[in-house]
Amino acid sequence: MEKDILFSIIVPVYNTEKYVIKCLDSIKNAIKEDCEVIIVNDGSTDNSEKIIKEYIEKLPDQYKDRFIYNVKPNKGLADTKNVGISLARGKYISVIDSDDYISDDFYDIARRYINEGNEIIIYDLYVIFEKNPEYTYVARACVDKEKDIKRALISGAMQGSSCNKIIKKSLYEPYKFPTNKEYEDTSVTPFILLDTEKIKYIPYPLYYYLQREKSIVASNTYISAFYKICENISNELAKRGDLKKYHEVIDEFFVRRMLEIMYEDYKKSRKDFKANMLNFFKNNKQVVNYILENEMAYKDNQYSVRQKTVLNNLLVNCKNEDLSKITKLFFARRLVAYVRRLFGQSINLVKAVFGK
């Protein structure tokens, strides 16, 4: 093993016997002598361990010492990543989920920009649907219309993911992925993006992100995901203490999403909405206060003037923990939408009968 390791590639594994060989093959084809591959098996109950051990055993000698296998009790993806990072000896961390795969030049391209002093390399990625591969599309990690690179990356696709990013190990030191939580990446990766100025975005999809039918992402609605992500971010902000530094994280994950998602939650189930809002009140007080103090509802976002007022009222009622006023606010919004739809249908009917 080379003493100077540039890339520590962490592969979290849990019951991915069907996919893990393709993942490891793609990594083997992409690495050089300055890489180590740390496979962390999170207590899989399928044949993953047998497959991985056989795979490593059959590797050519020049690769065998670079693939390190570790098995631990099942504690979830966050703990698996934490273990992998703790074992890593490289200067940069790359996380590749064991049901995904990468392009052959994934690390060759990164080397070029690391040599220029960059601390984070970010790629676009292909999103592949296992049962409907024809729906594959490119997820852009950077929003072109945003002039500020950090805002553009925080607003881009997969901004919370650690998988399409190569990150200097030292940037992980203040953070731990929170265990026993879904969407654990959102407690770490968006914050790291704002912790350094040395970021290189590469507008090419070199990571292949598989959407399996039973994956966490596929099995959770965007409504339940929103509340869990908010809690993750609020917990991390409480630890950091400097909300101003992470202003863009708050803007992206709270301000730009909460009005529409909470409204959809209200329309979907009043019982679930009540429970979700009570938890939101409890878990996000500091962030809500910060948004109101900085008048973020009225600043640069996608909302109309009327929507900004509604959003601000929503935030005030969240601060006051006034569920009844929030319910009335959303009832009025739904009533207005119904009247507008009815009016539009009436106009169309008149046009159909009398002509334009």
Protein backbone atom coordinates (compact mmCIF):
# COMPACT_ATOMS: atom_id res chain seq x y z
CA MET A 1 0.00 0.00 0.00
CA GLU A 2 1.33 3.44 -0.88
CA LYS A 3 2.01 5.61 2.18
CA ASP A 4 0.49 8.73 0.61
CA ILE A 5 -3.17 8.04 -0.01
CA LEU A 6 -5.08 10.77 -1.80
CA PHE A 7 -8.56 9.22 -2.00
CA SER A 8 -10.30 7.12 0.64
CA ILE A 9 -13.34 5.65 -1.08
CA ILE A 10 -16.00 4.56 1.39
CA VAL A 11 -18.59 2.01 0.25
CA PRO A 12 -21.46 1.56 2.75
CA VAL A 13 -23.12 -1.84 2.26
CA TYR A 14 -26.43 -3.14 3.53
CA ASN A 15 -28.21 -5.97 1.71
CA THR A 16 -27.07 -4.98 -1.77
CA GLU A 17 -25.99 -8.39 -3.03
CA LYS A 18 -27.62 -7.67 -6.37
CA TYR A 19 -25.65 -4.48 -7.02
CA VAL A 20 -22.38 -4.50 -5.10
CA ILE A 21 -20.19 -6.17 -7.74
CA LYS A 22 -21.12 -3.58 -10.36
CA CYS A 23 -20.32 -0.86 -7.84
CA LEU A 24 -16.93 -2.35 -6.90
CA ASP A 25 -16.03 -3.01 -10.54
CA SER A 26 -16.65 0.64 -11.39
CA ILE A 27 -14.44 1.73 -8.50
CA LYS A 28 -11.68 -0.71 -9.45
CA ASN A 29 -11.69 0.68 -12.99
CA ALA A 30 -11.43 4.25 -11.67
CA ILE A 31 -8.69 4.00 -9.02
CA LYS A 32 -4.90 4.27 -9.08
CA GLU A 33 -2.13 3.60 -6.55
CA ASP A 34 -3.10 6.62 -4.45
CA CYS A 35 -6.53 5.20 -3.56
CA GLU A 36 -7.91 2.94 -0.85
CA VAL A 37 -11.39 1.39 -0.93
CA ILE A 38 -13.01 0.94 2.49
CA ILE A 39 -16.03 -1.34 2.31
CA VAL A 40 -18.15 -1.12 5.46
CA ASN A 41 -20.82 -3.82 5.80
CA ASP A 42 -23.57 -2.62 8.11
CA GLY A 43 -24.57 -6.09 9.28
CA SER A 44 -26.13 -7.26 6.03
CA THR A 45 -28.44 -10.27 6.30
CA ASP A 46 -28.20 -11.31 2.65
CA ASN A 47 -25.18 -12.68 0.74
CA SER A 48 -23.38 -9.33 0.53
CA GLU A 49 -20.51 -10.40 2.80
CA LYS A 50 -19.85 -13.63 0.89
CA ILE A 51 -19.93 -11.80 -2.44
CA ILE A 52 -17.58 -9.04 -1.24
CA LYS A 53 -15.04 -11.45 0.26
CA GLU A 54 -15.00 -13.55 -2.90
CA TYR A 55 -14.64 -10.41 -4.98
CA ILE A 56 -11.61 -9.21 -3.00
CA GLU A 57 -10.05 -12.67 -3.06
CA LYS A 58 -10.23 -12.78 -6.86
CA LEU A 59 -8.74 -9.31 -7.35
CA PRO A 60 -5.36 -9.03 -9.10
CA ASP A 61 -2.50 -8.47 -6.67
CA GLN A 62 -2.13 -4.78 -7.54
CA TYR A 63 -5.68 -4.16 -6.28
CA LYS A 64 -6.05 -6.63 -3.43
CA ASP A 65 -4.25 -4.59 -0.76
CA ARG A 66 -6.21 -1.50 -1.66
CA PHE A 67 -9.62 -3.02 -0.87
CA ILE A 68 -10.26 -3.05 2.89
CA TYR A 69 -13.29 -4.92 4.21
CA ASN A 70 -14.94 -4.10 7.55
CA VAL A 71 -18.12 -5.57 9.03
CA LYS A 72 -20.03 -4.15 11.99
CA PRO A 73 -23.42 -4.54 13.72
CA ASN A 74 -26.34 -2.94 11.91
CA LYS A 75 -26.68 0.66 13.06
CA GLY A 76 -27.71 2.40 9.86
CA LEU A 77 -26.16 4.37 7.03
CA ALA A 78 -25.01 7.31 9.15
CA ASP A 79 -23.01 5.12 11.50
CA THR A 80 -21.58 3.24 8.52
CA LYS A 81 -20.28 6.48 7.00
CA ASN A 82 -18.87 7.60 10.33
CA VAL A 83 -16.99 4.32 10.70
CA GLY A 84 -15.67 4.58 7.14
CA ILE A 85 -14.39 8.12 7.68
CA SER A 86 -12.75 7.12 10.96
CA LEU A 87 -10.84 4.34 9.13
CA ALA A 88 -9.85 6.54 6.19
CA ARG A 89 -6.18 7.45 5.73
CA GLY A 90 -6.60 9.52 2.59
CA LYS A 91 -6.62 13.29 2.28
CA TYR A 92 -9.98 13.24 0.48
CA ILE A 93 -13.17 11.28 1.17
CA SER A 94 -15.37 9.84 -1.56
CA VAL A 95 -18.58 7.99 -0.66
CA ILE A 96 -20.04 5.58 -3.21
CA ASP A 97 -23.28 3.85 -2.27
CA SER A 98 -23.06 0.13 -2.97
CA ASP A 99 -26.02 0.12 -5.36
CA ASP A 100 -24.56 2.98 -7.42
CA TYR A 101 -21.52 3.18 -9.72
CA ILE A 102 -19.13 5.73 -11.21
CA SER A 103 -17.38 6.61 -14.47
CA ASP A 104 -13.83 5.42 -15.12
CA ASP A 105 -12.45 8.99 -15.02
CA PHE A 106 -14.18 9.95 -11.75
CA TYR A 107 -10.91 10.30 -9.81
CA ASP A 108 -8.64 11.26 -12.71
CA ILE A 109 -10.64 14.45 -13.24
CA ALA A 110 -10.70 15.16 -9.50
CA ARG A 111 -6.89 14.90 -9.27
CA ARG A 112 -6.51 17.72 -11.77
CA TYR A 113 -8.57 20.14 -9.70
CA ILE A 114 -7.22 18.98 -6.35
CA ASN A 115 -3.77 19.88 -7.65
CA GLU A 116 -5.13 23.41 -8.14
CA GLY A 117 -5.94 23.58 -4.42
CA ASN A 118 -9.66 22.75 -4.40
CA GLU A 119 -11.10 21.09 -1.29
CA ILE A 120 -14.42 19.90 -2.76
CA ILE A 121 -15.08 18.46 -6.21
CA ILE A 122 -18.74 18.21 -7.26
CA TYR A 123 -20.18 16.36 -10.24
CA ASP A 124 -23.56 16.18 -11.91
CA LEU A 125 -25.12 12.74 -11.81
CA TYR A 126 -27.33 10.39 -13.77
CA VAL A 127 -30.51 9.39 -11.94
CA ILE A 128 -31.41 5.89 -13.09
CA PHE A 129 -34.73 4.19 -12.35
CA GLU A 130 -34.21 0.48 -11.95
CA LYS A 131 -37.62 -0.58 -13.28
CA ASN A 132 -37.85 2.17 -15.91
CA PRO A 133 -34.31 2.94 -17.13
CA GLU A 134 -35.74 4.92 -20.04
CA TYR A 135 -36.64 7.63 -17.51
CA THR A 136 -32.96 8.25 -16.74
CA TYR A 137 -32.11 11.95 -16.51
CA VAL A 138 -29.17 14.17 -15.58
CA ALA A 139 -29.45 15.90 -12.21
CA ARG A 140 -27.58 19.20 -12.29
CA ALA A 141 -25.67 19.90 -9.10
CA CYS A 142 -25.48 23.63 -9.84
CA VAL A 143 -28.22 26.09 -10.81
CA ASP A 144 -27.02 28.14 -13.79
CA LYS A 145 -29.15 31.21 -13.11
CA GLU A 146 -27.57 31.79 -9.69
CA LYS A 147 -24.49 34.02 -9.92
CA ASP A 148 -23.09 33.10 -6.50
CA ILE A 149 -21.48 29.65 -6.75
CA LYS A 150 -22.36 28.58 -3.23
CA ARG A 151 -25.98 29.60 -3.61
CA ALA A 152 -26.03 27.84 -6.98
CA LEU A 153 -24.74 24.62 -5.41
CA ILE A 154 -27.02 24.79 -2.36
CA SER A 155 -29.96 25.28 -4.75
CA GLY A 156 -28.87 22.49 -7.10
CA ALA A 157 -29.90 18.86 -7.23
CA MET A 158 -28.60 16.44 -4.60
CA GLN A 159 -27.12 19.29 -2.57
CA GLY A 160 -27.40 17.17 0.56
CA SER A 161 -25.82 14.07 -0.94
CA SER A 162 -22.25 13.08 -0.15
CA CYS A 163 -22.05 10.70 -3.11
CA ASN A 164 -21.47 13.06 -6.06
CA LYS A 165 -18.84 14.96 -4.07
CA ILE A 166 -15.19 14.39 -3.20
CA ILE A 167 -14.47 16.25 0.04
CA LYS A 168 -11.24 16.97 1.91
CA LYS A 169 -11.22 14.82 5.02
CA SER A 170 -10.42 17.71 7.35
CA LEU A 171 -13.74 19.36 6.42
CA TYR A 172 -15.58 16.39 7.97
CA GLU A 173 -13.83 16.80 11.34
CA PRO A 174 -16.43 19.13 12.97
CA TYR A 175 -19.28 16.85 11.90
CA LYS A 176 -20.76 13.42 12.50
CA PHE A 177 -23.57 11.94 10.46
CA PRO A 178 -26.51 11.69 12.92
CA THR A 179 -27.47 8.09 13.65
CA ASN A 180 -31.02 6.75 13.66
CA LYS A 181 -32.18 9.42 11.23
CA GLU A 182 -33.11 9.42 7.56
CA TYR A 183 -31.59 11.96 5.15
CA GLU A 184 -28.50 12.05 7.37
CA ASP A 185 -26.48 13.76 4.64
CA THR A 186 -28.44 17.00 5.09
CA SER A 187 -26.95 17.38 8.57
CA VAL A 188 -23.45 17.48 7.13
CA THR A 189 -22.96 18.09 3.42
CA PRO A 190 -24.76 21.46 2.94
CA PHE A 191 -22.85 22.85 5.92
CA ILE A 192 -19.51 21.66 4.56
CA LEU A 193 -20.26 23.41 1.26
CA LEU A 194 -20.41 26.69 3.17
CA ASP A 195 -17.28 25.96 5.18
CA THR A 196 -14.83 26.43 2.29
CA GLU A 197 -14.30 28.70 -0.69
CA LYS A 198 -12.25 26.11 -2.57
CA ILE A 199 -14.94 24.30 -4.55
CA LYS A 200 -14.79 23.05 -8.13
CA TYR A 201 -18.04 22.19 -9.89
CA ILE A 202 -17.68 19.91 -12.90
CA PRO A 203 -20.77 20.04 -15.16
CA TYR A 204 -20.60 16.40 -16.25
CA PRO A 205 -22.59 13.44 -14.89
CA LEU A 206 -19.94 11.00 -13.69
CA TYR A 207 -21.95 9.40 -10.86
CA TYR A 208 -24.77 6.92 -11.56
CA TYR A 209 -27.44 7.14 -8.86
CA LEU A 210 -29.81 4.18 -8.85
CA GLN A 211 -33.39 4.64 -7.72
CA ARG A 212 -34.52 1.30 -6.39
CA GLU A 213 -38.15 0.58 -5.66
CA LYS A 214 -37.50 0.06 -1.94
CA SER A 215 -34.85 2.73 -1.39
CA ILE A 216 -35.32 5.31 1.38
CA VAL A 217 -35.74 8.09 -1.17
CA ALA A 218 -38.35 6.18 -3.14
CA SER A 219 -40.33 5.06 -0.09
CA ASN A 220 -40.74 8.47 1.58
CA THR A 221 -42.96 11.25 0.35
CA TYR A 222 -41.45 14.67 -0.13
CA ILE A 223 -43.73 15.91 2.68
CA SER A 224 -42.37 13.58 5.36
CA ALA A 225 -38.85 14.11 3.98
CA PHE A 226 -39.22 17.88 4.43
CA TYR A 227 -39.98 17.66 8.13
CA LYS A 228 -37.15 15.21 8.77
CA ILE A 229 -34.64 17.32 6.84
CA CYS A 230 -35.73 20.45 8.74
CA GLU A 231 -35.12 18.68 12.04
CA ASN A 232 -31.69 17.48 10.90
CA ILE A 233 -30.64 20.96 9.85
CA SER A 234 -32.04 22.66 12.95
CA ASN A 235 -30.14 20.23 15.18
CA GLU A 236 -26.91 20.93 13.34
CA LEU A 237 -27.46 24.69 13.38
CA ALA A 238 -27.95 24.52 17.14
CA LYS A 239 -24.52 22.90 17.42
CA ARG A 240 -22.86 25.37 15.04
CA GLY A 241 -24.45 28.41 16.70
CA ASP A 242 -23.70 30.68 13.72
CA LEU A 243 -26.95 30.84 11.74
CA LYS A 244 -25.75 33.76 9.64
CA LYS A 245 -22.89 31.69 8.21
CA TYR A 246 -25.38 29.07 7.03
CA HIS A 247 -27.97 31.57 5.80
CA GLU A 248 -28.15 29.88 2.38
CA VAL A 249 -28.91 26.49 3.95
CA ILE A 250 -31.82 28.02 5.85
CA ASP A 251 -33.07 29.79 2.73
CA GLU A 252 -32.96 26.66 0.58
CA PHE A 253 -34.36 24.09 2.99
CA PHE A 254 -36.87 26.22 4.91
CA VAL A 255 -37.87 29.47 3.20
CA ARG A 256 -38.09 28.17 -0.36
CA ARG A 257 -39.99 25.01 0.57
CA MET A 258 -42.11 25.38 3.66
CA LEU A 259 -45.13 27.26 2.30
CA GLU A 260 -45.91 24.86 -0.53
CA ILE A 261 -45.02 21.67 1.33
CA MET A 262 -46.94 22.57 4.48
CA TYR A 263 -49.91 23.55 2.34
CA GLU A 264 -49.80 20.19 0.55
CA ASP A 265 -49.57 18.47 3.93
CA TYR A 266 -52.66 20.39 5.09
CA LYS A 267 -54.62 19.28 2.02
CA LYS A 268 -53.52 15.67 2.33
CA SER A 269 -54.38 14.81 5.94
CA ARG A 270 -55.52 17.12 8.74
CA LYS A 271 -54.49 14.58 11.40
CA ASP A 272 -50.97 14.13 10.04
CA PHE A 273 -50.70 17.86 9.42
CA LYS A 274 -51.45 18.63 13.05
CA ALA A 275 -48.85 16.14 14.31
CA ASN A 276 -46.25 17.35 11.82
CA MET A 277 -46.79 21.00 12.70
CA LEU A 278 -46.57 20.38 16.45
CA ASN A 279 -43.22 18.64 15.90
CA PHE A 280 -42.11 21.47 13.60
CA PHE A 281 -42.90 24.04 16.31
CA LYS A 282 -40.84 22.08 18.84
CA ASN A 283 -37.83 21.32 16.64
CA ASN A 284 -37.29 24.53 14.65
CA LYS A 285 -37.80 27.50 16.97
CA GLN A 286 -34.34 28.97 16.51
CA VAL A 287 -34.49 28.80 12.72
CA VAL A 288 -38.00 30.29 12.53
CA ASN A 289 -36.89 33.20 14.72
CA TYR A 290 -33.85 33.78 12.51
CA ILE A 291 -35.97 33.82 9.33
CA LEU A 292 -38.37 36.35 10.83
CA GLU A 293 -35.63 38.56 12.29
CA ASN A 294 -33.95 38.76 8.88
CA GLU A 295 -37.23 39.17 6.95
CA MET A 296 -36.24 36.30 4.69
CA ALA A 297 -39.81 35.68 3.58
CA TYR A 298 -39.74 38.99 1.71
CA LYS A 299 -36.34 38.58 0.08
CA ASP A 300 -35.06 36.79 -3.01
CA ASN A 301 -37.24 33.72 -3.55
CA GLN A 302 -39.72 32.37 -6.05
CA TYR A 303 -42.83 33.70 -4.31
CA SER A 304 -45.14 36.46 -5.54
CA VAL A 305 -45.81 39.51 -3.35
CA ARG A 306 -49.01 37.92 -2.04
CA GLN A 307 -47.30 34.60 -1.37
CA LYS A 308 -44.49 36.32 0.53
CA THR A 309 -47.08 37.85 2.86
CA VAL A 310 -48.70 34.45 3.35
CA LEU A 311 -45.30 32.90 4.05
CA ASN A 312 -44.44 35.55 6.62
CA ASN A 313 -47.80 35.04 8.34
CA LEU A 314 -47.13 31.31 8.38
CA LEU A 315 -43.76 31.90 10.04
CA VAL A 316 -45.25 34.26 12.65
CA ASN A 317 -47.84 31.64 13.53
CA CYS A 318 -45.13 28.96 13.70
CA LYS A 319 -43.20 31.15 16.12
CA ASN A 320 -46.35 31.61 18.22
CA GLU A 321 -47.17 27.89 17.88
CA ASP A 322 -50.67 28.86 16.78
CA LEU A 323 -51.96 25.88 14.85
CA SER A 324 -55.49 27.24 14.57
CA LYS A 325 -54.33 30.37 12.72
CA ILE A 326 -52.19 28.30 10.38
CA THR A 327 -55.19 26.08 9.64
CA LYS A 328 -57.31 29.17 8.92
CA LEU A 329 -54.57 30.60 6.71
CA PHE A 330 -54.42 27.44 4.61
CA PHE A 331 -58.22 27.14 4.52
CA ALA A 332 -58.39 30.67 3.08
CA ARG A 333 -55.65 29.82 0.57
CA ARG A 334 -57.53 26.74 -0.55
CA LEU A 335 -60.79 28.68 -0.82
CA VAL A 336 -59.12 31.34 -2.98
CA ALA A 337 -57.66 28.64 -5.22
CA TYR A 338 -61.09 27.02 -5.55
CA VAL A 339 -62.78 30.32 -6.45
CA ARG A 340 -60.10 31.10 -9.03
CA ARG A 341 -60.46 27.67 -10.58
CA LEU A 342 -64.25 28.04 -10.68
CA PHE A 343 -63.95 31.49 -12.23
CA GLY A 344 -61.54 30.18 -14.86
CA GLN A 345 -63.92 27.37 -15.76
CA SER A 346 -66.78 29.87 -16.08
CA ILE A 347 -64.72 32.05 -18.44
CA ASN A 348 -63.87 29.02 -20.56
CA LEU A 349 -67.56 28.04 -20.69
CA VAL A 350 -68.58 31.53 -21.82
CA LYS A 351 -65.91 31.47 -24.52
CA ALA A 352 -67.09 28.05 -25.69
CA VAL A 353 -70.70 29.20 -25.93
CA PHE A 354 -70.31 32.70 -27.34
CA GLY A 355 -66.92 32.49 -29.00
CA LYS A 356 -63.84 34.60 -28.30
